[in-house]
Amino acid sequence: MSPADAASSPLKDTQRQITEREVMDWMIQSHVFRDLNASDLRPFLQSLQVLNFKPMDEVISRGKYSAALYLVTAGRFLVLRPESPAVDPTTTEAELIELDTFKKGDCFGEYSLIDKKPASASVVAAESSQALKIPLAAFDTVLMSDYRIAKTVYHNLLLLLTARLRKSLKV
């Protein structure tokens, strides 16, 4: 990953101080944390990072394990994969196809977060973009400590994945 700047503390970026309220609003508006309130989300703040990306910065690399969930707060991210899935993920010779685009409120990285396997596609910034990064360890710690939060988050992830599958199948 080559973010333009990673925050030195969870709620800072290089342009300005980002308030806890802004971060909470971004999280509440995301599909993953729908139906949770600010007090439910507060435990995630301790390890959350605000990351800024330049166009074409790679956030997730196909074939490599990504141990984080990303919530898009600004800009757009593209999901790319070689036209032939059998192509070695470390090569750049294959023609890339765009599988999806993520914008504000969307999330990515959930596949590896759930199944602990390498990413099936790459994610790159389409333009100057920003995302919140929640590391796997922090994500798991919060969910293991509160059954209600875990149930809500996993339910939301299931709805999100189902919607994406239906969209890809044009159902």
C-alpha atoms as a PDB file:
ATOM      1  CA  MET A   1       0.000   0.000   0.000  1.00  0.00           C
ATOM      2  CA  SER A   2       1.278   3.461  -0.759  1.00  0.00           C
ATOM      3  CA  PRO A   3      -1.070   5.989   0.840  1.00  0.00           C
ATOM      4  CA  ALA A   4      -0.270   9.611   0.225  1.00  0.00           C
ATOM      5  CA  ASP A   5      -0.227  10.127   3.952  1.00  0.00           C
ATOM      6  CA  ALA A   6      -1.143   7.944   6.890  1.00  0.00           C
ATOM      7  CA  ALA A   7      -2.321   9.672  10.012  1.00  0.00           C
ATOM      8  CA  SER A   8       0.198   9.830  12.821  1.00  0.00           C
ATOM      9  CA  SER A   9      -2.625   9.628  15.318  1.00  0.00           C
ATOM     10  CA  PRO A  10      -5.994   8.054  14.667  1.00  0.00           C
ATOM     11  CA  LEU A  11      -7.894  11.272  14.001  1.00  0.00           C
ATOM     12  CA  LYS A  12      -5.319  13.384  12.163  1.00  0.00           C
ATOM     13  CA  ASP A  13      -4.531  13.786   8.545  1.00  0.00           C
ATOM     14  CA  THR A  14      -1.963  16.117   7.063  1.00  0.00           C
ATOM     15  CA  GLN A  15      -4.432  18.737   5.860  1.00  0.00           C
ATOM     16  CA  ARG A  16      -6.298  19.333   9.103  1.00  0.00           C
ATOM     17  CA  GLN A  17      -7.427  17.873  12.398  1.00  0.00           C
ATOM     18  CA  ILE A  18     -10.334  15.501  11.858  1.00  0.00           C
ATOM     19  CA  THR A  19     -12.827  15.527  14.681  1.00  0.00           C
ATOM     20  CA  GLU A  20     -14.084  12.441  16.444  1.00  0.00           C
ATOM     21  CA  ARG A  21     -17.594  13.574  15.485  1.00  0.00           C
ATOM     22  CA  GLU A  22     -16.682  13.505  11.772  1.00  0.00           C
ATOM     23  CA  VAL A  23     -15.275  10.003  12.089  1.00  0.00           C
ATOM     24  CA  MET A  24     -18.361   8.834  13.972  1.00  0.00           C
ATOM     25  CA  ASP A  25     -20.614  10.346  11.299  1.00  0.00           C
ATOM     26  CA  TRP A  26     -18.650   8.573   8.541  1.00  0.00           C
ATOM     27  CA  MET A  27     -18.921   5.275  10.397  1.00  0.00           C
ATOM     28  CA  ILE A  28     -22.638   5.660  11.152  1.00  0.00           C
ATOM     29  CA  GLN A  29     -23.315   6.434   7.464  1.00  0.00           C
ATOM     30  CA  SER A  30     -21.431   3.352   6.274  1.00  0.00           C
ATOM     31  CA  HIS A  31     -23.261   0.170   5.345  1.00  0.00           C
ATOM     32  CA  VAL A  32     -21.223  -1.927   7.774  1.00  0.00           C
ATOM     33  CA  PHE A  33     -22.083   0.036  10.905  1.00  0.00           C
ATOM     34  CA  ARG A  34     -25.710   0.812  10.093  1.00  0.00           C
ATOM     35  CA  ASP A  35     -27.997   0.507  13.158  1.00  0.00           C
ATOM     36  CA  LEU A  36     -25.153   1.149  15.626  1.00  0.00           C
ATOM     37  CA  ASN A  37     -24.802   4.324  17.668  1.00  0.00           C
ATOM     38  CA  ALA A  38     -21.806   6.453  18.641  1.00  0.00           C
ATOM     39  CA  SER A  39     -21.220   4.594  21.911  1.00  0.00           C
ATOM     40  CA  ASP A  40     -21.175   1.269  20.008  1.00  0.00           C
ATOM     41  CA  LEU A  41     -18.556   2.659  17.613  1.00  0.00           C
ATOM     42  CA  ARG A  42     -16.301   4.380  20.148  1.00  0.00           C
ATOM     43  CA  PRO A  43     -14.143   1.232  20.784  1.00  0.00           C
ATOM     44  CA  PHE A  44     -13.142   1.184  17.091  1.00  0.00           C
ATOM     45  CA  LEU A  45     -11.648   4.688  17.352  1.00  0.00           C
ATOM     46  CA  GLN A  46      -8.606   3.615  19.366  1.00  0.00           C
ATOM     47  CA  SER A  47      -6.886   1.949  16.420  1.00  0.00           C
ATOM     48  CA  LEU A  48      -8.644   3.541  13.473  1.00  0.00           C
ATOM     49  CA  GLN A  49      -6.516   5.462  10.966  1.00  0.00           C
ATOM     50  CA  VAL A  50      -7.474   8.152   8.469  1.00  0.00           C
ATOM     51  CA  LEU A  51      -5.567   7.500   5.227  1.00  0.00           C
ATOM     52  CA  ASN A  52      -5.240   9.729   2.171  1.00  0.00           C
ATOM     53  CA  PHE A  53      -4.492   8.294  -1.264  1.00  0.00           C
ATOM     54  CA  LYS A  54      -3.270   9.738  -4.552  1.00  0.00           C
ATOM     55  CA  PRO A  55      -4.716   8.550  -7.873  1.00  0.00           C
ATOM     56  CA  MET A  56      -3.639   4.968  -8.646  1.00  0.00           C
ATOM     57  CA  ASP A  57      -2.285   4.283  -5.132  1.00  0.00           C
ATOM     58  CA  GLU A  58      -2.861   0.579  -4.484  1.00  0.00           C
ATOM     59  CA  VAL A  59      -4.677  -0.043  -1.207  1.00  0.00           C
ATOM     60  CA  ILE A  60      -5.209  -3.797  -1.543  1.00  0.00           C
ATOM     61  CA  SER A  61      -3.115  -6.056  -3.782  1.00  0.00           C
ATOM     62  CA  ARG A  62      -4.661  -9.105  -5.435  1.00  0.00           C
ATOM     63  CA  GLY A  63      -3.087 -12.278  -4.063  1.00  0.00           C
ATOM     64  CA  LYS A  64      -1.918 -10.632  -0.842  1.00  0.00           C
ATOM     65  CA  TYR A  65      -3.603 -10.751   2.541  1.00  0.00           C
ATOM     66  CA  SER A  66      -5.272  -7.527   3.645  1.00  0.00           C
ATOM     67  CA  ALA A  67      -5.786  -7.369   7.390  1.00  0.00           C
ATOM     68  CA  ALA A  68      -8.114  -4.378   7.534  1.00  0.00           C
ATOM     69  CA  LEU A  69     -11.526  -3.011   6.697  1.00  0.00           C
ATOM     70  CA  TYR A  70     -11.584   0.285   4.783  1.00  0.00           C
ATOM     71  CA  LEU A  71     -14.476   2.769   4.860  1.00  0.00           C
ATOM     72  CA  VAL A  72     -14.488   5.297   2.020  1.00  0.00           C
ATOM     73  CA  THR A  73     -14.906   8.876   3.279  1.00  0.00           C
ATOM     74  CA  ALA A  74     -13.993  10.787   0.094  1.00  0.00           C
ATOM     75  CA  GLY A  75     -13.116  10.070  -3.513  1.00  0.00           C
ATOM     76  CA  ARG A  76     -13.459   6.806  -5.409  1.00  0.00           C
ATOM     77  CA  PHE A  77     -11.687   3.456  -5.421  1.00  0.00           C
ATOM     78  CA  LEU A  78     -11.630   0.905  -8.255  1.00  0.00           C
ATOM     79  CA  VAL A  79     -11.712  -2.868  -7.850  1.00  0.00           C
ATOM     80  CA  LEU A  80      -9.460  -4.376 -10.525  1.00  0.00           C
ATOM     81  CA  ARG A  81      -8.680  -7.919 -11.555  1.00  0.00           C
ATOM     82  CA  PRO A  82      -6.889  -9.514 -14.519  1.00  0.00           C
ATOM     83  CA  GLU A  83      -9.252 -10.470 -17.331  1.00  0.00           C
ATOM     84  CA  SER A  84      -8.183 -14.084 -16.816  1.00  0.00           C
ATOM     85  CA  PRO A  85      -8.392 -15.011 -13.094  1.00  0.00           C
ATOM     86  CA  ALA A  86      -5.760 -17.721 -13.647  1.00  0.00           C
ATOM     87  CA  VAL A  87      -3.083 -15.080 -14.270  1.00  0.00           C
ATOM     88  CA  ASP A  88      -0.383 -14.934 -11.596  1.00  0.00           C
ATOM     89  CA  PRO A  89      -1.407 -12.107  -9.203  1.00  0.00           C
ATOM     90  CA  THR A  90       2.157 -10.803  -9.085  1.00  0.00           C
ATOM     91  CA  THR A  91       2.357 -10.116 -12.827  1.00  0.00           C
ATOM     92  CA  THR A  92       1.170  -6.939 -14.525  1.00  0.00           C
ATOM     93  CA  GLU A  93       1.012  -8.356 -18.038  1.00  0.00           C
ATOM     94  CA  ALA A  94      -2.696  -9.161 -18.080  1.00  0.00           C
ATOM     95  CA  GLU A  95      -5.412  -6.773 -19.162  1.00  0.00           C
ATOM     96  CA  LEU A  96      -7.195  -5.485 -16.049  1.00  0.00           C
ATOM     97  CA  ILE A  97     -10.955  -5.252 -15.853  1.00  0.00           C
ATOM     98  CA  GLU A  98     -12.883  -3.033 -13.477  1.00  0.00           C
ATOM     99  CA  LEU A  99     -15.199  -5.091 -11.288  1.00  0.00           C
ATOM    100  CA  ASP A 100     -16.657  -2.313  -9.154  1.00  0.00           C
ATOM    101  CA  THR A 101     -16.249   1.247  -7.903  1.00  0.00           C
ATOM    102  CA  PHE A 102     -16.483   2.288  -4.262  1.00  0.00           C
ATOM    103  CA  LYS A 103     -17.498   5.785  -3.173  1.00  0.00           C
ATOM    104  CA  LYS A 104     -18.237   7.592   0.082  1.00  0.00           C
ATOM    105  CA  GLY A 105     -20.064   5.296   2.503  1.00  0.00           C
ATOM    106  CA  ASP A 106     -18.841   2.084   0.855  1.00  0.00           C
ATOM    107  CA  CYS A 107     -16.361  -0.326   2.377  1.00  0.00           C
ATOM    108  CA  PHE A 108     -13.825  -2.814   1.081  1.00  0.00           C
ATOM    109  CA  GLY A 109     -11.452  -5.407   2.493  1.00  0.00           C
ATOM    110  CA  GLU A 110     -14.288  -7.381   4.044  1.00  0.00           C
ATOM    111  CA  TYR A 111     -13.508 -10.645   2.203  1.00  0.00           C
ATOM    112  CA  SER A 112     -10.078 -11.025   3.804  1.00  0.00           C
ATOM    113  CA  LEU A 113     -11.454  -9.741   7.079  1.00  0.00           C
ATOM    114  CA  ILE A 114     -13.972 -12.582   7.145  1.00  0.00           C
ATOM    115  CA  ASP A 115     -12.121 -15.514   5.572  1.00  0.00           C
ATOM    116  CA  LYS A 116      -8.496 -14.549   6.404  1.00  0.00           C
ATOM    117  CA  LYS A 117      -7.412 -15.343   2.818  1.00  0.00           C
ATOM    118  CA  PRO A 118      -5.528 -13.284   0.212  1.00  0.00           C
ATOM    119  CA  ALA A 119      -7.462 -10.654  -1.727  1.00  0.00           C
ATOM    120  CA  SER A 120      -9.195 -11.849  -4.893  1.00  0.00           C
ATOM    121  CA  ALA A 121      -8.837  -8.425  -6.558  1.00  0.00           C
ATOM    122  CA  SER A 122      -6.813  -5.244  -6.209  1.00  0.00           C
ATOM    123  CA  VAL A 123      -8.246  -1.942  -5.007  1.00  0.00           C
ATOM    124  CA  VAL A 124      -6.726   1.343  -6.202  1.00  0.00           C
ATOM    125  CA  ALA A 125      -7.648   4.993  -5.716  1.00  0.00           C
ATOM    126  CA  ALA A 126      -9.320   6.347  -8.865  1.00  0.00           C
ATOM    127  CA  GLU A 127      -8.655   9.923  -7.741  1.00  0.00           C
ATOM    128  CA  SER A 128      -7.450  11.707  -4.622  1.00  0.00           C
ATOM    129  CA  SER A 129      -9.345   9.757  -1.987  1.00  0.00           C
ATOM    130  CA  GLN A 130      -9.635   9.134   1.730  1.00  0.00           C
ATOM    131  CA  ALA A 131     -10.580   6.087   3.780  1.00  0.00           C
ATOM    132  CA  LEU A 132     -10.781   5.017   7.388  1.00  0.00           C
ATOM    133  CA  LYS A 133      -8.719   1.907   8.076  1.00  0.00           C
ATOM    134  CA  ILE A 134      -9.821  -0.451  10.853  1.00  0.00           C
ATOM    135  CA  PRO A 135      -7.169  -3.145  11.445  1.00  0.00           C
ATOM    136  CA  LEU A 136      -8.344  -6.750  11.733  1.00  0.00           C
ATOM    137  CA  ALA A 137      -7.104  -7.112  15.325  1.00  0.00           C
ATOM    138  CA  ALA A 138      -9.126  -4.098  16.485  1.00  0.00           C
ATOM    139  CA  PHE A 139     -12.167  -5.204  14.490  1.00  0.00           C
ATOM    140  CA  ASP A 140     -12.062  -8.705  16.006  1.00  0.00           C
ATOM    141  CA  THR A 141     -11.436  -7.409  19.539  1.00  0.00           C
ATOM    142  CA  VAL A 142     -14.501  -5.158  19.470  1.00  0.00           C
ATOM    143  CA  LEU A 143     -16.746  -7.812  17.936  1.00  0.00           C
ATOM    144  CA  MET A 144     -15.612 -10.507  20.368  1.00  0.00           C
ATOM    145  CA  SER A 145     -16.322  -8.241  23.315  1.00  0.00           C
ATOM    146  CA  ASP A 146     -19.922  -7.376  22.374  1.00  0.00           C
ATOM    147  CA  TYR A 147     -22.288  -9.943  20.888  1.00  0.00           C
ATOM    148  CA  ARG A 148     -24.901  -7.337  19.890  1.00  0.00           C
ATOM    149  CA  ILE A 149     -22.382  -5.246  17.951  1.00  0.00           C
ATOM    150  CA  ALA A 150     -20.962  -8.389  16.320  1.00  0.00           C
ATOM    151  CA  LYS A 151     -24.422  -9.585  15.303  1.00  0.00           C
ATOM    152  CA  THR A 152     -25.275  -6.198  13.784  1.00  0.00           C
ATOM    153  CA  VAL A 153     -21.970  -5.821  11.918  1.00  0.00           C
ATOM    154  CA  TYR A 154     -22.001  -9.374  10.524  1.00  0.00           C
ATOM    155  CA  HIS A 155     -25.653  -9.008   9.512  1.00  0.00           C
ATOM    156  CA  ASN A 156     -24.792  -5.771   7.689  1.00  0.00           C
ATOM    157  CA  LEU A 157     -21.805  -7.414   5.998  1.00  0.00           C
ATOM    158  CA  LEU A 158     -24.019 -10.291   4.861  1.00  0.00           C
ATOM    159  CA  LEU A 159     -26.548  -7.838   3.384  1.00  0.00           C
ATOM    160  CA  LEU A 160     -23.734  -5.942   1.672  1.00  0.00           C
ATOM    161  CA  LEU A 161     -22.166  -9.072   0.185  1.00  0.00           C
ATOM    162  CA  THR A 162     -25.562 -10.352  -0.962  1.00  0.00           C
ATOM    163  CA  ALA A 163     -26.317  -7.018  -2.661  1.00  0.00           C
ATOM    164  CA  ARG A 164     -22.934  -7.061  -4.412  1.00  0.00           C
ATOM    165  CA  LEU A 165     -23.481 -10.627  -5.601  1.00  0.00           C
ATOM    166  CA  ARG A 166     -26.943  -9.790  -6.947  1.00  0.00           C
ATOM    167  CA  LYS A 167     -25.496  -6.726  -8.701  1.00  0.00           C
ATOM    168  CA  SER A 168     -22.737  -8.804 -10.306  1.00  0.00           C
ATOM    169  CA  LEU A 169     -25.291 -11.383 -11.452  1.00  0.00           C
ATOM    170  CA  LYS A 170     -27.663  -8.592 -12.535  1.00  0.00           C
ATOM    171  CA  VAL A 171     -30.465 -10.184 -10.518  1.00  0.00           C
END
